[in-house]
C-alpha atoms as a PDB file:
ATOM      1  CA  PHE A   1     -61.853  99.874  -3.569  1.00  0.00           C
ATOM      2  CA  ASP A   2     -58.224 100.844  -4.179  1.00  0.00           C
ATOM      3  CA  GLY A   3     -57.859  99.579  -7.755  1.00  0.00           C
ATOM      4  CA  VAL A   4     -55.402  96.528  -6.620  1.00  0.00           C
ATOM      5  CA  TYR A   5     -56.598  92.937  -7.065  1.00  0.00           C
ATOM      6  CA  GLN A   6     -54.818  90.353  -5.150  1.00  0.00           C
ATOM      7  CA  ILE A   7     -54.848  86.937  -6.210  1.00  0.00           C
ATOM      8  CA  SER A   8     -53.558  83.769  -4.166  1.00  0.00           C
ATOM      9  CA  TRP A   9     -53.536  80.221  -5.039  1.00  0.00           C
ATOM     10  CA  SER A  10     -51.974  77.119  -3.994  1.00  0.00           C
ATOM     11  CA  THR A  11     -50.037  75.098  -6.602  1.00  0.00           C
ATOM     12  CA  ALA A  12     -50.917  71.481  -5.783  1.00  0.00           C
ATOM     13  CA  LEU A  13     -48.245  69.833  -8.123  1.00  0.00           C
ATOM     14  CA  PRO A  14     -46.479  66.824  -6.865  1.00  0.00           C
ATOM     15  CA  SER A  15     -42.732  66.920  -6.280  1.00  0.00           C
ATOM     16  CA  GLN A  16     -40.679  67.619  -9.228  1.00  0.00           C
ATOM     17  CA  THR A  17     -37.708  65.320  -8.049  1.00  0.00           C
ATOM     18  CA  SER A  18     -36.858  62.859 -10.796  1.00  0.00           C
ATOM     19  CA  ASN A  19     -39.679  64.053 -13.038  1.00  0.00           C
ATOM     20  CA  ALA A  20     -37.603  65.644 -15.853  1.00  0.00           C
ATOM     21  CA  GLY A  21     -39.133  65.512 -19.166  1.00  0.00           C
ATOM     22  CA  LYS A  22     -42.640  64.849 -17.900  1.00  0.00           C
ATOM     23  CA  VAL A  23     -45.834  67.033 -17.894  1.00  0.00           C
ATOM     24  CA  PRO A  24     -48.325  67.507 -15.098  1.00  0.00           C
ATOM     25  CA  THR A  25     -51.858  65.891 -15.703  1.00  0.00           C
ATOM     26  CA  THR A  26     -54.768  65.567 -13.503  1.00  0.00           C
ATOM     27  CA  ASP A  27     -57.712  63.308 -12.860  1.00  0.00           C
ATOM     28  CA  GLY A  28     -59.798  66.216 -11.622  1.00  0.00           C
ATOM     29  CA  THR A  29     -58.959  65.509  -8.053  1.00  0.00           C
ATOM     30  CA  SER A  30     -55.013  65.222  -7.710  1.00  0.00           C
ATOM     31  CA  ALA A  31     -52.078  65.842 -10.012  1.00  0.00           C
ATOM     32  CA  SER A  32     -49.213  63.683 -11.109  1.00  0.00           C
ATOM     33  CA  TRP A  33     -46.535  63.525 -13.708  1.00  0.00           C
ATOM     34  CA  VAL A  34     -46.592  61.680 -17.009  1.00  0.00           C
ATOM     35  CA  ALA A  35     -43.770  60.988 -19.528  1.00  0.00           C
ATOM     36  CA  ILE A  36     -43.839  62.671 -22.935  1.00  0.00           C
ATOM     37  CA  HIS A  37     -43.272  59.820 -25.445  1.00  0.00           C
ATOM     38  CA  SER A  38     -41.003  61.035 -28.027  1.00  0.00           C
ATOM     39  CA  LYS A  39     -40.416  57.196 -29.298  1.00  0.00           C
ATOM     40  CA  PRO A  40     -40.499  56.684 -33.062  1.00  0.00           C
ATOM     41  CA  TRP A  41     -43.708  55.286 -34.586  1.00  0.00           C
ATOM     42  CA  THR A  42     -44.070  51.671 -34.802  1.00  0.00           C
ATOM     43  CA  ASN A  43     -45.537  50.403 -38.052  1.00  0.00           C
ATOM     44  CA  VAL A  44     -48.460  47.975 -37.927  1.00  0.00           C
ATOM     45  CA  SER A  45     -47.852  46.051 -41.059  1.00  0.00           C
ATOM     46  CA  THR A  46     -50.445  43.209 -40.244  1.00  0.00           C
ATOM     47  CA  ALA A  47     -54.053  42.858 -39.651  1.00  0.00           C
ATOM     48  CA  SER A  48     -53.832  42.973 -36.063  1.00  0.00           C
ATOM     49  CA  GLN A  49     -51.315  44.295 -33.556  1.00  0.00           C
ATOM     50  CA  ASN A  50     -51.205  44.233 -29.755  1.00  0.00           C
ATOM     51  CA  ALA A  51     -50.249  47.617 -28.373  1.00  0.00           C
ATOM     52  CA  SER A  52     -47.806  48.292 -25.741  1.00  0.00           C
ATOM     53  CA  ILE A  53     -47.950  51.286 -23.362  1.00  0.00           C
ATOM     54  CA  GLY A  54     -46.193  54.360 -24.289  1.00  0.00           C
ATOM     55  CA  VAL A  55     -45.578  53.227 -27.968  1.00  0.00           C
ATOM     56  CA  PRO A  56     -47.133  55.200 -30.901  1.00  0.00           C
ATOM     57  CA  TYR A  57     -48.269  53.093 -33.660  1.00  0.00           C
ATOM     58  CA  MET A  58     -48.733  53.832 -37.406  1.00  0.00           C
ATOM     59  CA  MET A  59     -51.248  51.762 -39.078  1.00  0.00           C
ATOM     60  CA  THR A  60     -49.643  50.957 -42.575  1.00  0.00           C
ATOM     61  CA  TYR A  61     -51.341  47.382 -43.262  1.00  0.00           C
ATOM     62  CA  ALA A  62     -53.031  47.755 -46.776  1.00  0.00           C
ATOM     63  CA  GLY A  63     -56.227  45.926 -45.349  1.00  0.00           C
ATOM     64  CA  VAL A  64     -58.358  46.749 -42.312  1.00  0.00           C
ATOM     65  CA  CYS A  65     -55.975  47.086 -39.408  1.00  0.00           C
ATOM     66  CA  THR A  66     -56.839  46.468 -35.865  1.00  0.00           C
ATOM     67  CA  LEU A  67     -54.768  47.844 -32.859  1.00  0.00           C
ATOM     68  CA  VAL A  68     -55.651  46.120 -29.650  1.00  0.00           C
ATOM     69  CA  LEU A  69     -54.986  48.064 -26.426  1.00  0.00           C
ATOM     70  CA  PRO A  70     -53.452  46.284 -23.435  1.00  0.00           C
ATOM     71  CA  ALA A  71     -55.779  44.099 -21.269  1.00  0.00           C
ATOM     72  CA  ASN A  72     -54.455  45.472 -17.999  1.00  0.00           C
ATOM     73  CA  PRO A  73     -53.397  49.179 -18.084  1.00  0.00           C
ATOM     74  CA  ALA A  74     -52.410  51.086 -15.204  1.00  0.00           C
ATOM     75  CA  ALA A  75     -53.530  54.699 -14.493  1.00  0.00           C
ATOM     76  CA  ASN A  76     -52.168  57.101 -16.915  1.00  0.00           C
ATOM     77  CA  ASP A  77     -50.804  54.717 -19.408  1.00  0.00           C
ATOM     78  CA  ILE A  78     -50.832  56.185 -22.901  1.00  0.00           C
ATOM     79  CA  VAL A  79     -50.908  54.785 -26.401  1.00  0.00           C
ATOM     80  CA  GLY A  80     -50.875  56.710 -29.678  1.00  0.00           C
ATOM     81  CA  LEU A  81     -51.953  55.685 -33.274  1.00  0.00           C
ATOM     82  CA  LYS A  82     -52.033  57.258 -36.712  1.00  0.00           C
ATOM     83  CA  VAL A  83     -53.932  56.016 -39.648  1.00  0.00           C
ATOM     84  CA  ALA A  84     -51.404  55.865 -42.511  1.00  0.00           C
ATOM     85  CA  ASN A  85     -52.978  53.240 -44.774  1.00  0.00           C
ATOM     86  CA  GLY A  86     -55.490  55.492 -46.492  1.00  0.00           C
ATOM     87  CA  ARG A  87     -58.653  53.526 -44.942  1.00  0.00           C
ATOM     88  CA  ALA A  88     -61.558  54.699 -43.003  1.00  0.00           C
ATOM     89  CA  ASP A  89     -62.374  51.402 -41.489  1.00  0.00           C
ATOM     90  CA  ASN A  90     -59.435  50.725 -39.104  1.00  0.00           C
ATOM     91  CA  ILE A  91     -60.387  49.517 -35.471  1.00  0.00           C
ATOM     92  CA  LEU A  92     -58.954  50.254 -32.040  1.00  0.00           C
ATOM     93  CA  ASP A  93     -59.976  47.259 -29.917  1.00  0.00           C
ATOM     94  CA  LEU A  94     -60.418  48.469 -26.217  1.00  0.00           C
ATOM     95  CA  ASN A  95     -59.641  44.814 -24.957  1.00  0.00           C
ATOM     96  CA  GLY A  96     -62.693  44.779 -22.448  1.00  0.00           C
ATOM     97  CA  LYS A  97     -62.245  48.255 -21.276  1.00  0.00           C
ATOM     98  CA  THR A  98     -64.561  51.225 -21.664  1.00  0.00           C
ATOM     99  CA  PHE A  99     -63.952  54.458 -23.720  1.00  0.00           C
ATOM    100  CA  GLU A 100     -64.977  57.812 -22.204  1.00  0.00           C
ATOM    101  CA  ASP A 101     -67.015  55.579 -19.673  1.00  0.00           C
ATOM    102  CA  ASP A 102     -68.944  53.919 -22.572  1.00  0.00           C
ATOM    103  CA  ASN A 103     -68.880  50.198 -23.007  1.00  0.00           C
ATOM    104  CA  ILE A 104     -68.586  50.079 -26.740  1.00  0.00           C
ATOM    105  CA  GLY A 105     -65.930  47.553 -27.263  1.00  0.00           C
ATOM    106  CA  THR A 106     -64.182  48.988 -30.273  1.00  0.00           C
ATOM    107  CA  LEU A 107     -63.823  52.063 -32.111  1.00  0.00           C
ATOM    108  CA  VAL A 108     -63.942  52.469 -35.752  1.00  0.00           C
ATOM    109  CA  LEU A 109     -61.526  55.032 -37.164  1.00  0.00           C
ATOM    110  CA  ASN A 110     -63.483  56.398 -39.761  1.00  0.00           C
ATOM    111  CA  SER A 111     -61.207  59.045 -41.010  1.00  0.00           C
ATOM    112  CA  LYS A 112     -58.308  58.325 -43.347  1.00  0.00           C
ATOM    113  CA  TYR A 113     -56.354  60.980 -41.306  1.00  0.00           C
ATOM    114  CA  THR A 114     -56.825  59.998 -37.723  1.00  0.00           C
ATOM    115  CA  CYS A 115     -54.203  60.612 -35.338  1.00  0.00           C
ATOM    116  CA  ILE A 116     -54.973  60.318 -31.827  1.00  0.00           C
ATOM    117  CA  TYR A 117     -53.536  59.474 -28.197  1.00  0.00           C
ATOM    118  CA  VAL A 118     -55.523  57.535 -25.684  1.00  0.00           C
ATOM    119  CA  GLN A 119     -54.882  57.521 -21.882  1.00  0.00           C
ATOM    120  CA  TYR A 120     -56.235  55.170 -19.264  1.00  0.00           C
ATOM    121  CA  ILE A 121     -57.723  57.493 -16.460  1.00  0.00           C
ATOM    122  CA  ASN A 122     -60.429  56.646 -13.865  1.00  0.00           C
ATOM    123  CA  SER A 123     -60.753  53.120 -15.404  1.00  0.00           C
ATOM    124  CA  SER A 124     -61.738  54.286 -18.864  1.00  0.00           C
ATOM    125  CA  TRP A 125     -59.548  54.906 -21.965  1.00  0.00           C
ATOM    126  CA  ARG A 126     -59.858  58.623 -22.850  1.00  0.00           C
ATOM    127  CA  LEU A 127     -58.700  60.919 -25.690  1.00  0.00           C
ATOM    128  CA  VAL A 128     -55.940  63.145 -24.598  1.00  0.00           C
END
């Protein structure tokens, strides 16, 4: 032993061409690039709102508010949401998809301060 450690690894990042402003992500098997969404928050001022991919939503409706995720998301699609109406009973509707591989249908956002992003990975919505 000469006191020198040698470490080698292989970077398995996909090509960086045309990926400015994106960050790497992995599904545990392969890496890809996803956009960082810096869009302004969209106010949800009605009882129910259909979400669009890549858009962050702020729940401002005074009553129980439901955000419905897209029915046909693609791999790595992201949606953000923040509770801003002071309620602990708002709903995230998974629109027939699973959450963290569980078929629960909806999530009740039981904190008045919830702020989350969910990403569609391996056929399930997941916290990111």
